[in-house]
């Protein structure tokens, strides 16, 4: 099941400040998070409207997981620039190979 915050962002189709625009709460009663306070000009979504966004929210969260994993797997920018320099000097493909490996090991869904 996806995060309620992801579904809300999809419903609103914009960034949401979850410290003032929409306040979520989880009472740790096994029912999960719910909207405690809705301070947006758009109508508060119904449970059915949020449930209808489940598939789209799941895809968005899966993509974000892959992108986060890739971000930590890539060499630093400094290392990549050094690889590119030495590739141009030596006629090698070290940088392209490194980037391709990260992408292959972490394919987008």
PDB file of N, CA and C in Angstrom:
ATOM      1  N   UNK A   1       0.842  -1.183   0.000  1.00  0.00           N
ATOM      2  CA  UNK A   1       0.000   0.000   0.000  1.00  0.00           C
ATOM      3  C   UNK A   1       0.887   1.246   0.000  1.00  0.00           C
ATOM      4  N   UNK A   2       0.451   2.213  -0.734  1.00  0.00           N
ATOM      5  CA  UNK A   2       1.254   3.421  -0.889  1.00  0.00           C
ATOM      6  C   UNK A   2       1.019   4.406   0.254  1.00  0.00           C
ATOM      7  N   UNK A   3       1.889   5.388   0.305  1.00  0.00           N
ATOM      8  CA  UNK A   3       1.792   6.433   1.314  1.00  0.00           C
ATOM      9  C   UNK A   3       0.599   7.346   1.010  1.00  0.00           C
ATOM     10  N   UNK A   4      -0.105   7.739   2.018  1.00  0.00           N
ATOM     11  CA  UNK A   4      -1.214   8.675   1.860  1.00  0.00           C
ATOM     12  C   UNK A   4      -0.718   9.982   1.270  1.00  0.00           C
ATOM     13  N   UNK A   5       0.451  10.418   1.668  1.00  0.00           N
ATOM     14  CA  UNK A   5       0.997  11.680   1.161  1.00  0.00           C
ATOM     15  C   UNK A   5       1.195  11.634  -0.360  1.00  0.00           C
ATOM     16  N   UNK A   6       1.605  10.487  -0.884  1.00  0.00           N
ATOM     17  CA  UNK A   6       1.790  10.356  -2.334  1.00  0.00           C
ATOM     18  C   UNK A   6       0.459  10.506  -3.052  1.00  0.00           C
ATOM     19  N   UNK A   7      -0.571   9.876  -2.532  1.00  0.00           N
ATOM     20  CA  UNK A   7      -1.899   9.970  -3.154  1.00  0.00           C
ATOM     21  C   UNK A   7      -2.430  11.403  -3.098  1.00  0.00           C
ATOM     22  N   UNK A   8      -2.177  12.084  -1.995  1.00  0.00           N
ATOM     23  CA  UNK A   8      -2.637  13.468  -1.864  1.00  0.00           C
ATOM     24  C   UNK A   8      -1.938  14.359  -2.880  1.00  0.00           C
ATOM     25  N   UNK A   9      -0.635  14.176  -3.056  1.00  0.00           N
ATOM     26  CA  UNK A   9       0.100  14.975  -4.051  1.00  0.00           C
ATOM     27  C   UNK A   9      -0.452  14.731  -5.452  1.00  0.00           C
ATOM     28  N   UNK A  10      -0.797  13.490  -5.760  1.00  0.00           N
ATOM     29  CA  UNK A  10      -1.384  13.189  -7.068  1.00  0.00           C
ATOM     30  C   UNK A  10      -2.768  13.815  -7.198  1.00  0.00           C
ATOM     31  N   UNK A  11      -3.558  13.751  -6.157  1.00  0.00           N
ATOM     32  CA  UNK A  11      -4.908  14.323  -6.168  1.00  0.00           C
ATOM     33  C   UNK A  11      -4.849  15.834  -6.388  1.00  0.00           C
ATOM     34  N   UNK A  12      -3.963  16.498  -5.670  1.00  0.00           N
ATOM     35  CA  UNK A  12      -3.837  17.951  -5.750  1.00  0.00           C
ATOM     36  C   UNK A  12      -3.108  18.353  -7.034  1.00  0.00           C
ATOM     37  N   UNK A  13      -2.265  17.464  -7.547  1.00  0.00           N
ATOM     38  CA  UNK A  13      -1.444  17.716  -8.730  1.00  0.00           C
ATOM     39  C   UNK A  13      -0.514  18.895  -8.507  1.00  0.00           C
ATOM     40  N   UNK A  14       0.078  18.934  -7.315  1.00  0.00           N
ATOM     41  CA  UNK A  14       1.021  19.994  -6.952  1.00  0.00           C
ATOM     42  C   UNK A  14       1.770  19.561  -5.695  1.00  0.00           C
ATOM     43  N   UNK A  15       2.800  20.312  -5.374  1.00  0.00           N
ATOM     44  CA  UNK A  15       3.504  20.051  -4.126  1.00  0.00           C
ATOM     45  C   UNK A  15       2.602  20.455  -2.964  1.00  0.00           C
ATOM     46  N   UNK A  16       2.719  19.735  -1.883  1.00  0.00           N
ATOM     47  CA  UNK A  16       1.897  19.984  -0.708  1.00  0.00           C
ATOM     48  C   UNK A  16       2.816  20.146   0.496  1.00  0.00           C
ATOM     49  N   UNK A  17       2.577  21.168   1.285  1.00  0.00           N
ATOM     50  CA  UNK A  17       3.320  21.362   2.530  1.00  0.00           C
ATOM     51  C   UNK A  17       2.563  20.605   3.619  1.00  0.00           C
ATOM     52  N   UNK A  18       3.144  19.496   4.058  1.00  0.00           N
ATOM     53  CA  UNK A  18       2.466  18.661   5.049  1.00  0.00           C
ATOM     54  C   UNK A  18       2.674  19.163   6.479  1.00  0.00           C
ATOM     55  N   UNK A  19       3.159  20.401   6.622  1.00  0.00           N
ATOM     56  CA  UNK A  19       3.228  21.014   7.939  1.00  0.00           C
ATOM     57  C   UNK A  19       2.170  22.095   8.102  1.00  0.00           C
ATOM     58  N   UNK A  20       1.565  22.516   6.953  1.00  0.00           N
ATOM     59  CA  UNK A  20       0.505  23.529   7.073  1.00  0.00           C
ATOM     60  C   UNK A  20      -0.647  23.330   6.093  1.00  0.00           C
ATOM     61  N   UNK A  21      -0.377  22.876   4.856  1.00  0.00           N
ATOM     62  CA  UNK A  21      -1.460  22.696   3.888  1.00  0.00           C
ATOM     63  C   UNK A  21      -2.361  21.528   4.259  1.00  0.00           C
ATOM     64  N   UNK A  22      -1.733  20.415   4.542  1.00  0.00           N
ATOM     65  CA  UNK A  22      -2.454  19.191   4.899  1.00  0.00           C
ATOM     66  C   UNK A  22      -1.700  18.545   6.056  1.00  0.00           C
ATOM     67  N   UNK A  23      -2.402  18.289   7.131  1.00  0.00           N
ATOM     68  CA  UNK A  23      -1.789  17.629   8.281  1.00  0.00           C
ATOM     69  C   UNK A  23      -2.285  16.193   8.336  1.00  0.00           C
ATOM     70  N   UNK A  24      -1.339  15.269   8.378  1.00  0.00           N
ATOM     71  CA  UNK A  24      -1.671  13.855   8.471  1.00  0.00           C
ATOM     72  C   UNK A  24      -1.407  13.371   9.889  1.00  0.00           C
ATOM     73  N   UNK A  25      -2.135  12.341  10.280  1.00  0.00           N
ATOM     74  CA  UNK A  25      -1.942  11.778  11.613  1.00  0.00           C
ATOM     75  C   UNK A  25      -2.115  10.280  11.556  1.00  0.00           C
ATOM     76  N   UNK A  26      -1.351   9.578  12.351  1.00  0.00           N
ATOM     77  CA  UNK A  26      -1.470   8.133  12.502  1.00  0.00           C
ATOM     78  C   UNK A  26      -1.566   7.868  14.003  1.00  0.00           C
ATOM     79  N   UNK A  27      -2.683   7.336  14.426  1.00  0.00           N
ATOM     80  CA  UNK A  27      -2.918   7.093  15.848  1.00  0.00           C
ATOM     81  C   UNK A  27      -2.318   5.775  16.336  1.00  0.00           C
ATOM     82  N   UNK A  28      -1.571   5.091  15.475  1.00  0.00           N
ATOM     83  CA  UNK A  28      -0.956   3.799  15.810  1.00  0.00           C
ATOM     84  C   UNK A  28      -1.991   2.783  16.282  1.00  0.00           C
ATOM     85  N   UNK A  29      -3.160   2.841  15.666  1.00  0.00           N
ATOM     86  CA  UNK A  29      -4.235   1.912  16.016  1.00  0.00           C
ATOM     87  C   UNK A  29      -4.423   0.845  14.935  1.00  0.00           C
ATOM     88  N   UNK A  30      -3.482   0.804  13.989  1.00  0.00           N
ATOM     89  CA  UNK A  30      -3.556  -0.172  12.914  1.00  0.00           C
ATOM     90  C   UNK A  30      -4.362   0.291  11.714  1.00  0.00           C
ATOM     91  N   UNK A  31      -4.980   1.447  11.806  1.00  0.00           N
ATOM     92  CA  UNK A  31      -5.797   1.951  10.703  1.00  0.00           C
ATOM     93  C   UNK A  31      -4.983   2.789   9.718  1.00  0.00           C
ATOM     94  N   UNK A  32      -3.762   3.132  10.098  1.00  0.00           N
ATOM     95  CA  UNK A  32      -2.892   3.910   9.217  1.00  0.00           C
ATOM     96  C   UNK A  32      -3.131   5.398   9.331  1.00  0.00           C
ATOM     97  N   UNK A  33      -2.450   6.124   8.467  1.00  0.00           N
ATOM     98  CA  UNK A  33      -2.532   7.586   8.475  1.00  0.00           C
ATOM     99  C   UNK A  33      -3.869   8.056   7.904  1.00  0.00           C
ATOM    100  N   UNK A  34      -4.268   9.229   8.342  1.00  0.00           N
ATOM    101  CA  UNK A  34      -5.484   9.855   7.827  1.00  0.00           C
ATOM    102  C   UNK A  34      -5.274  11.366   7.795  1.00  0.00           C
ATOM    103  N   UNK A  35      -6.172  12.044   7.088  1.00  0.00           N
ATOM    104  CA  UNK A  35      -6.088  13.501   6.992  1.00  0.00           C
ATOM    105  C   UNK A  35      -6.710  14.096   8.253  1.00  0.00           C
ATOM    106  N   UNK A  36      -5.871  14.739   9.041  1.00  0.00           N
ATOM    107  CA  UNK A  36      -6.355  15.375  10.268  1.00  0.00           C
ATOM    108  C   UNK A  36      -6.879  16.776   9.962  1.00  0.00           C
ATOM    109  N   UNK A  37      -6.171  17.481   9.066  1.00  0.00           N
ATOM    110  CA  UNK A  37      -6.552  18.856   8.766  1.00  0.00           C
ATOM    111  C   UNK A  37      -6.294  19.119   7.281  1.00  0.00           C
ATOM    112  N   UNK A  38      -7.255  19.752   6.613  1.00  0.00           N
ATOM    113  CA  UNK A  38      -7.158  20.058   5.178  1.00  0.00           C
ATOM    114  C   UNK A  38      -7.293  21.563   5.013  1.00  0.00           C
ATOM    115  N   UNK A  39      -6.214  22.235   4.601  1.00  0.00           N
ATOM    116  CA  UNK A  39      -6.202  23.690   4.492  1.00  0.00           C
ATOM    117  C   UNK A  39      -5.949  24.172   3.061  1.00  0.00           C
ATOM    118  N   UNK A  40      -6.420  23.421   2.093  1.00  0.00           N
ATOM    119  CA  UNK A  40      -6.262  23.797   0.692  1.00  0.00           C
ATOM    120  C   UNK A  40      -7.604  24.262   0.127  1.00  0.00           C
ATOM    121  N   UNK A  41      -7.550  25.066  -0.926  1.00  0.00           N
ATOM    122  CA  UNK A  41      -8.781  25.573  -1.528  1.00  0.00           C
ATOM    123  C   UNK A  41      -9.508  24.492  -2.336  1.00  0.00           C
ATOM    124  N   UNK A  42      -8.796  23.476  -2.766  1.00  0.00           N
ATOM    125  CA  UNK A  42      -9.405  22.350  -3.475  1.00  0.00           C
ATOM    126  C   UNK A  42     -10.143  21.478  -2.456  1.00  0.00           C
ATOM    127  N   UNK A  43     -11.236  20.849  -2.890  1.00  0.00           N
ATOM    128  CA  UNK A  43     -12.042  20.030  -1.977  1.00  0.00           C
ATOM    129  C   UNK A  43     -11.220  18.856  -1.435  1.00  0.00           C
ATOM    130  N   UNK A  44     -11.449  18.544  -0.186  1.00  0.00           N
ATOM    131  CA  UNK A  44     -10.784  17.413   0.450  1.00  0.00           C
ATOM    132  C   UNK A  44     -11.216  16.132  -0.268  1.00  0.00           C
ATOM    133  N   UNK A  45     -10.262  15.254  -0.602  1.00  0.00           N
ATOM    134  CA  UNK A  45     -10.625  14.033  -1.333  1.00  0.00           C
ATOM    135  C   UNK A  45     -11.352  13.028  -0.449  1.00  0.00           C
ATOM    136  N   UNK A  46     -12.198  12.264  -1.089  1.00  0.00           N
ATOM    137  CA  UNK A  46     -12.871  11.170  -0.384  1.00  0.00           C
ATOM    138  C   UNK A  46     -11.927   9.970  -0.358  1.00  0.00           C
ATOM    139  N   UNK A  47     -12.240   9.000   0.458  1.00  0.00           N
ATOM    140  CA  UNK A  47     -11.451   7.768   0.501  1.00  0.00           C
ATOM    141  C   UNK A  47     -11.475   7.090  -0.858  1.00  0.00           C
ATOM    142  N   UNK A  48     -12.622   7.097  -1.520  1.00  0.00           N
ATOM    143  CA  UNK A  48     -12.729   6.475  -2.846  1.00  0.00           C
ATOM    144  C   UNK A  48     -11.834   7.187  -3.861  1.00  0.00           C
ATOM    145  N   UNK A  49     -11.767   8.498  -3.798  1.00  0.00           N
ATOM    146  CA  UNK A  49     -10.908   9.244  -4.719  1.00  0.00           C
ATOM    147  C   UNK A  49      -9.439   8.907  -4.475  1.00  0.00           C
ATOM    148  N   UNK A  50      -9.059   8.810  -3.229  1.00  0.00           N
ATOM    149  CA  UNK A  50      -7.669   8.464  -2.899  1.00  0.00           C
ATOM    150  C   UNK A  50      -7.372   7.015  -3.282  1.00  0.00           C
ATOM    151  N   UNK A  51      -8.314   6.110  -3.042  1.00  0.00           N
ATOM    152  CA  UNK A  51      -8.119   4.706  -3.406  1.00  0.00           C
ATOM    153  C   UNK A  51      -7.938   4.545  -4.916  1.00  0.00           C
ATOM    154  N   UNK A  52      -8.610   5.387  -5.689  1.00  0.00           N
ATOM    155  CA  UNK A  52      -8.506   5.323  -7.148  1.00  0.00           C
ATOM    156  C   UNK A  52      -7.107   5.705  -7.638  1.00  0.00           C
ATOM    157  N   UNK A  53      -6.331   6.357  -6.793  1.00  0.00           N
ATOM    158  CA  UNK A  53      -4.975   6.775  -7.158  1.00  0.00           C
ATOM    159  C   UNK A  53      -3.909   5.762  -6.743  1.00  0.00           C
ATOM    160  N   UNK A  54      -4.317   4.633  -6.192  1.00  0.00           N
ATOM    161  CA  UNK A  54      -3.379   3.640  -5.658  1.00  0.00           C
ATOM    162  C   UNK A  54      -2.361   3.167  -6.703  1.00  0.00           C
ATOM    163  N   UNK A  55      -2.810   2.786  -7.878  1.00  0.00           N
ATOM    164  CA  UNK A  55      -1.900   2.267  -8.902  1.00  0.00           C
ATOM    165  C   UNK A  55      -0.897   3.321  -9.345  1.00  0.00           C
ATOM    166  N   UNK A  56      -1.380   4.527  -9.587  1.00  0.00           N
ATOM    167  CA  UNK A  56      -0.501   5.618  -9.997  1.00  0.00           C
ATOM    168  C   UNK A  56       0.496   5.969  -8.888  1.00  0.00           C
ATOM    169  N   UNK A  57       0.024   5.967  -7.659  1.00  0.00           N
ATOM    170  CA  UNK A  57       0.892   6.269  -6.519  1.00  0.00           C
ATOM    171  C   UNK A  57       1.962   5.181  -6.354  1.00  0.00           C
ATOM    172  N   UNK A  58       1.569   3.927  -6.547  1.00  0.00           N
ATOM    173  CA  UNK A  58       2.524   2.816  -6.442  1.00  0.00           C
ATOM    174  C   UNK A  58       3.630   2.977  -7.481  1.00  0.00           C
ATOM    175  N   UNK A  59       3.261   3.305  -8.710  1.00  0.00           N
ATOM    176  CA  UNK A  59       4.253   3.499  -9.775  1.00  0.00           C
ATOM    177  C   UNK A  59       5.188   4.656  -9.445  1.00  0.00           C
ATOM    178  N   UNK A  60       4.630   5.731  -8.919  1.00  0.00           N
ATOM    179  CA  UNK A  60       5.443   6.895  -8.569  1.00  0.00           C
ATOM    180  C   UNK A  60       6.434   6.556  -7.454  1.00  0.00           C
ATOM    181  N   UNK A  61       5.982   5.832  -6.443  1.00  0.00           N
ATOM    182  CA  UNK A  61       6.867   5.457  -5.338  1.00  0.00           C
ATOM    183  C   UNK A  61       7.942   4.475  -5.789  1.00  0.00           C
ATOM    184  N   UNK A  62       7.594   3.543  -6.687  1.00  0.00           N
ATOM    185  CA  UNK A  62       8.588   2.599  -7.197  1.00  0.00           C
ATOM    186  C   UNK A  62       9.661   3.343  -7.992  1.00  0.00           C
ATOM    187  N   UNK A  63       9.245   4.292  -8.820  1.00  0.00           N
ATOM    188  CA  UNK A  63      10.202   5.073  -9.594  1.00  0.00           C
ATOM    189  C   UNK A  63      11.106   5.878  -8.662  1.00  0.00           C
ATOM    190  N   UNK A  64      10.532   6.489  -7.636  1.00  0.00           N
ATOM    191  CA  UNK A  64      11.322   7.286  -6.706  1.00  0.00           C
ATOM    192  C   UNK A  64      12.343   6.427  -5.966  1.00  0.00           C
ATOM    193  N   UNK A  65      11.977   5.197  -5.652  1.00  0.00           N
ATOM    194  CA  UNK A  65      12.905   4.281  -4.992  1.00  0.00           C
ATOM    195  C   UNK A  65      14.094   3.986  -5.902  1.00  0.00           C
ATOM    196  N   UNK A  66      13.816   3.718  -7.177  1.00  0.00           N
ATOM    197  CA  UNK A  66      14.894   3.445  -8.135  1.00  0.00           C
ATOM    198  C   UNK A  66      15.793   4.670  -8.287  1.00  0.00           C
ATOM    199  N   UNK A  67      15.194   5.842  -8.420  1.00  0.00           N
ATOM    200  CA  UNK A  67      15.989   7.060  -8.592  1.00  0.00           C
ATOM    201  C   UNK A  67      16.856   7.342  -7.370  1.00  0.00           C
ATOM    202  N   UNK A  68      16.335   7.089  -6.178  1.00  0.00           N
ATOM    203  CA  UNK A  68      17.113   7.290  -4.955  1.00  0.00           C
ATOM    204  C   UNK A  68      18.268   6.294  -4.876  1.00  0.00           C
ATOM    205  N   UNK A  69      17.993   5.053  -5.241  1.00  0.00           N
ATOM    206  CA  UNK A  69      19.036   4.031  -5.238  1.00  0.00           C
ATOM    207  C   UNK A  69      20.133   4.384  -6.229  1.00  0.00           C
ATOM    208  N   UNK A  70      19.724   4.825  -7.418  1.00  0.00           N
ATOM    209  CA  UNK A  70      20.713   5.228  -8.418  1.00  0.00           C
ATOM    210  C   UNK A  70      21.554   6.398  -7.921  1.00  0.00           C
ATOM    211  N   UNK A  71      20.913   7.364  -7.288  1.00  0.00           N
ATOM    212  CA  UNK A  71      21.637   8.559  -6.833  1.00  0.00           C
ATOM    213  C   UNK A  71      22.772   8.197  -5.879  1.00  0.00           C
ATOM    214  N   UNK A  72      22.540   7.217  -5.027  1.00  0.00           N
ATOM    215  CA  UNK A  72      23.598   6.820  -4.097  1.00  0.00           C
ATOM    216  C   UNK A  72      24.611   5.880  -4.749  1.00  0.00           C
ATOM    217  N   UNK A  73      24.216   5.190  -5.811  1.00  0.00           N
ATOM    218  CA  UNK A  73      25.114   4.244  -6.477  1.00  0.00           C
ATOM    219  C   UNK A  73      26.070   4.920  -7.460  1.00  0.00           C
ATOM    220  N   UNK A  74      25.658   6.046  -8.027  1.00  0.00           N
ATOM    221  CA  UNK A  74      26.545   6.738  -8.968  1.00  0.00           C
ATOM    222  C   UNK A  74      27.799   7.234  -8.252  1.00  0.00           C
ATOM    223  N   UNK A  75      28.916   7.242  -8.967  1.00  0.00           N
ATOM    224  CA  UNK A  75      30.108   7.885  -8.395  1.00  0.00           C
ATOM    225  C   UNK A  75      29.810   9.374  -8.184  1.00  0.00           C
ATOM    226  N   UNK A  76      30.576  10.016  -7.311  1.00  0.00           N
ATOM    227  CA  UNK A  76      30.381  11.443  -7.074  1.00  0.00           C
ATOM    228  C   UNK A  76      30.604  12.217  -8.366  1.00  0.00           C
ATOM    229  N   UNK A  77      30.109  13.431  -8.417  1.00  0.00           N
ATOM    230  CA  UNK A  77      30.298  14.283  -9.590  1.00  0.00           C
ATOM    231  C   UNK A  77      31.796  14.467  -9.864  1.00  0.00           C
ATOM    232  N   UNK A  78      32.572  14.674  -8.816  1.00  0.00           N
ATOM    233  CA  UNK A  78      34.014  14.850  -8.986  1.00  0.00           C
ATOM    234  C   UNK A  78      34.641  13.609  -9.629  1.00  0.00           C
ATOM    235  N   UNK A  79      34.232  12.436  -9.150  1.00  0.00           N
ATOM    236  CA  UNK A  79      34.759  11.195  -9.714  1.00  0.00           C
ATOM    237  C   UNK A  79      34.334  11.036 -11.175  1.00  0.00           C
ATOM    238  N   UNK A  80      33.077  11.397 -11.464  1.00  0.00           N
ATOM    239  CA  UNK A  80      32.595  11.274 -12.837  1.00  0.00           C
ATOM    240  C   UNK A  80      33.350  12.218 -13.776  1.00  0.00           C
ATOM    241  N   UNK A  81      33.621  13.442 -13.310  1.00  0.00           N
ATOM    242  CA  UNK A  81      34.379  14.381 -14.138  1.00  0.00           C
ATOM    243  C   UNK A  81      35.801  13.864 -14.382  1.00  0.00           C
ATOM    244  N   UNK A  82      36.388  13.282 -13.354  1.00  0.00           N
ATOM    245  CA  UNK A  82      37.723  12.710 -13.503  1.00  0.00           C
ATOM    246  C   UNK A  82      37.696  11.551 -14.504  1.00  0.00           C
ATOM    247  N   UNK A  83      36.667  10.697 -14.406  1.00  0.00           N
ATOM    248  CA  UNK A  83      36.530   9.589 -15.361  1.00  0.00           C
ATOM    249  C   UNK A  83      36.395  10.129 -16.785  1.00  0.00           C
ATOM    250  N   UNK A  84      35.597  11.174 -16.960  1.00  0.00           N
ATOM    251  CA  UNK A  84      35.399  11.746 -18.294  1.00  0.00           C
ATOM    252  C   UNK A  84      36.705  12.329 -18.841  1.00  0.00           C
ATOM    253  N   UNK A  85      37.448  12.988 -17.975  1.00  0.00           N
ATOM    254  CA  UNK A  85      38.737  13.543 -18.408  1.00  0.00           C
ATOM    255  C   UNK A  85      39.651  12.425 -18.895  1.00  0.00           C
ATOM    256  N   UNK A  86      39.821  11.404 -18.057  1.00  0.00           N
ATOM    257  CA  UNK A  86      40.740  10.321 -18.413  1.00  0.00           C
ATOM    258  C   UNK A  86      40.219   9.519 -19.598  1.00  0.00           C
ATOM    259  N   UNK A  87      38.901   9.411 -19.733  1.00  0.00           N
ATOM    260  CA  UNK A  87      38.356   8.756 -20.925  1.00  0.00           C
ATOM    261  C   UNK A  87      38.734   9.522 -22.186  1.00  0.00           C
ATOM    262  N   UNK A  88      38.665  10.854 -22.117  1.00  0.00           N
ATOM    263  CA  UNK A  88      39.015  11.660 -23.296  1.00  0.00           C
ATOM    264  C   UNK A  88      40.515  11.584 -23.600  1.00  0.00           C
ATOM    265  N   UNK A  89      41.333  11.488 -22.567  1.00  0.00           N
ATOM    266  CA  UNK A  89      42.783  11.387 -22.762  1.00  0.00           C
ATOM    267  C   UNK A  89      43.171  10.004 -23.294  1.00  0.00           C
ATOM    268  N   UNK A  90      42.552   8.958 -22.719  1.00  0.00           N
ATOM    269  CA  UNK A  90      42.953   7.582 -23.031  1.00  0.00           C
ATOM    270  C   UNK A  90      42.087   6.894 -24.084  1.00  0.00           C
ATOM    271  N   UNK A  91      41.005   7.556 -24.499  1.00  0.00           N
ATOM    272  CA  UNK A  91      40.116   6.924 -25.471  1.00  0.00           C
ATOM    273  C   UNK A  91      39.350   5.748 -24.891  1.00  0.00           C
ATOM    274  N   UNK A  92      39.061   5.811 -23.595  1.00  0.00           N
ATOM    275  CA  UNK A  92      38.344   4.725 -22.916  1.00  0.00           C
ATOM    276  C   UNK A  92      36.893   5.127 -22.675  1.00  0.00           C
ATOM    277  N   UNK A  93      36.120   4.212 -22.103  1.00  0.00           N
ATOM    278  CA  UNK A  93      34.695   4.467 -21.823  1.00  0.00           C
ATOM    279  C   UNK A  93      34.361   4.170 -20.362  1.00  0.00           C
ATOM    280  N   UNK A  94      35.293   4.438 -19.472  1.00  0.00           N
ATOM    281  CA  UNK A  94      35.108   4.145 -18.048  1.00  0.00           C
ATOM    282  C   UNK A  94      33.857   4.818 -17.483  1.00  0.00           C
ATOM    283  N   UNK A  95      33.663   6.101 -17.810  1.00  0.00           N
ATOM    284  CA  UNK A  95      32.507   6.835 -17.277  1.00  0.00           C
ATOM    285  C   UNK A  95      31.205   6.256 -17.813  1.00  0.00           C
ATOM    286  N   UNK A  96      31.122   6.058 -19.133  1.00  0.00           N
ATOM    287  CA  UNK A  96      29.900   5.495 -19.724  1.00  0.00           C
ATOM    288  C   UNK A  96      29.603   4.120 -19.143  1.00  0.00           C
ATOM    289  N   UNK A  97      30.634   3.325 -18.961  1.00  0.00           N
ATOM    290  CA  UNK A  97      30.465   1.983 -18.401  1.00  0.00           C
ATOM    291  C   UNK A  97      29.939   2.037 -16.967  1.00  0.00           C
ATOM    292  N   UNK A  98      30.477   2.952 -16.171  1.00  0.00           N
ATOM    293  CA  UNK A  98      30.049   3.088 -14.765  1.00  0.00           C
ATOM    294  C   UNK A  98      28.586   3.510 -14.684  1.00  0.00           C
ATOM    295  N   UNK A  99      28.207   4.491 -15.507  1.00  0.00           N
ATOM    296  CA  UNK A  99      26.818   4.970 -15.503  1.00  0.00           C
ATOM    297  C   UNK A  99      25.883   3.877 -16.025  1.00  0.00           C
ATOM    298  N   UNK A 100      26.287   3.195 -17.083  1.00  0.00           N
ATOM    299  CA  UNK A 100      25.466   2.126 -17.653  1.00  0.00           C
ATOM    300  C   UNK A 100      25.242   0.999 -16.646  1.00  0.00           C
ATOM    301  N   UNK A 101      26.265   0.683 -15.852  1.00  0.00           N
ATOM    302  CA  UNK A 101      26.123  -0.382 -14.847  1.00  0.00           C
ATOM    303  C   UNK A 101      25.105   0.002 -13.782  1.00  0.00           C
ATOM    304  N   UNK A 102      25.167   1.235 -13.307  1.00  0.00           N
ATOM    305  CA  UNK A 102      24.202   1.685 -12.299  1.00  0.00           C
ATOM    306  C   UNK A 102      22.787   1.600 -12.866  1.00  0.00           C
ATOM    307  N   UNK A 103      22.616   2.049 -14.111  1.00  0.00           N
ATOM    308  CA  UNK A 103      21.295   2.016 -14.729  1.00  0.00           C
ATOM    309  C   UNK A 103      20.817   0.577 -14.939  1.00  0.00           C
ATOM    310  N   UNK A 104      21.723  -0.308 -15.370  1.00  0.00           N
ATOM    311  CA  UNK A 104      21.351  -1.706 -15.593  1.00  0.00           C
ATOM    312  C   UNK A 104      21.018  -2.418 -14.288  1.00  0.00           C
ATOM    313  N   UNK A 105      21.771  -2.097 -13.231  1.00  0.00           N
ATOM    314  CA  UNK A 105      21.527  -2.732 -11.926  1.00  0.00           C
ATOM    315  C   UNK A 105      20.257  -2.212 -11.259  1.00  0.00           C
ATOM    316  N   UNK A 106      19.801  -1.045 -11.688  1.00  0.00           N
ATOM    317  CA  UNK A 106      18.615  -0.408 -11.074  1.00  0.00           C
ATOM    318  C   UNK A 106      17.681   0.097 -12.167  1.00  0.00           C
ATOM    319  N   UNK A 107      17.029  -0.819 -12.906  1.00  0.00           N
ATOM    320  CA  UNK A 107      16.177  -0.392 -14.014  1.00  0.00           C
ATOM    321  C   UNK A 107      14.912   0.313 -13.511  1.00  0.00           C
ATOM    322  N   UNK A 108      14.446   1.259 -14.323  1.00  0.00           N
ATOM    323  CA  UNK A 108      13.193   1.942 -13.990  1.00  0.00           C
ATOM    324  C   UNK A 108      12.049   0.942 -14.188  1.00  0.00           C
ATOM    325  N   UNK A 109      11.043   1.034 -13.328  1.00  0.00           N
ATOM    326  CA  UNK A 109       9.901   0.111 -13.469  1.00  0.00           C
ATOM    327  C   UNK A 109       9.094   0.410 -14.722  1.00  0.00           C
TER     328      UNK A 109
END
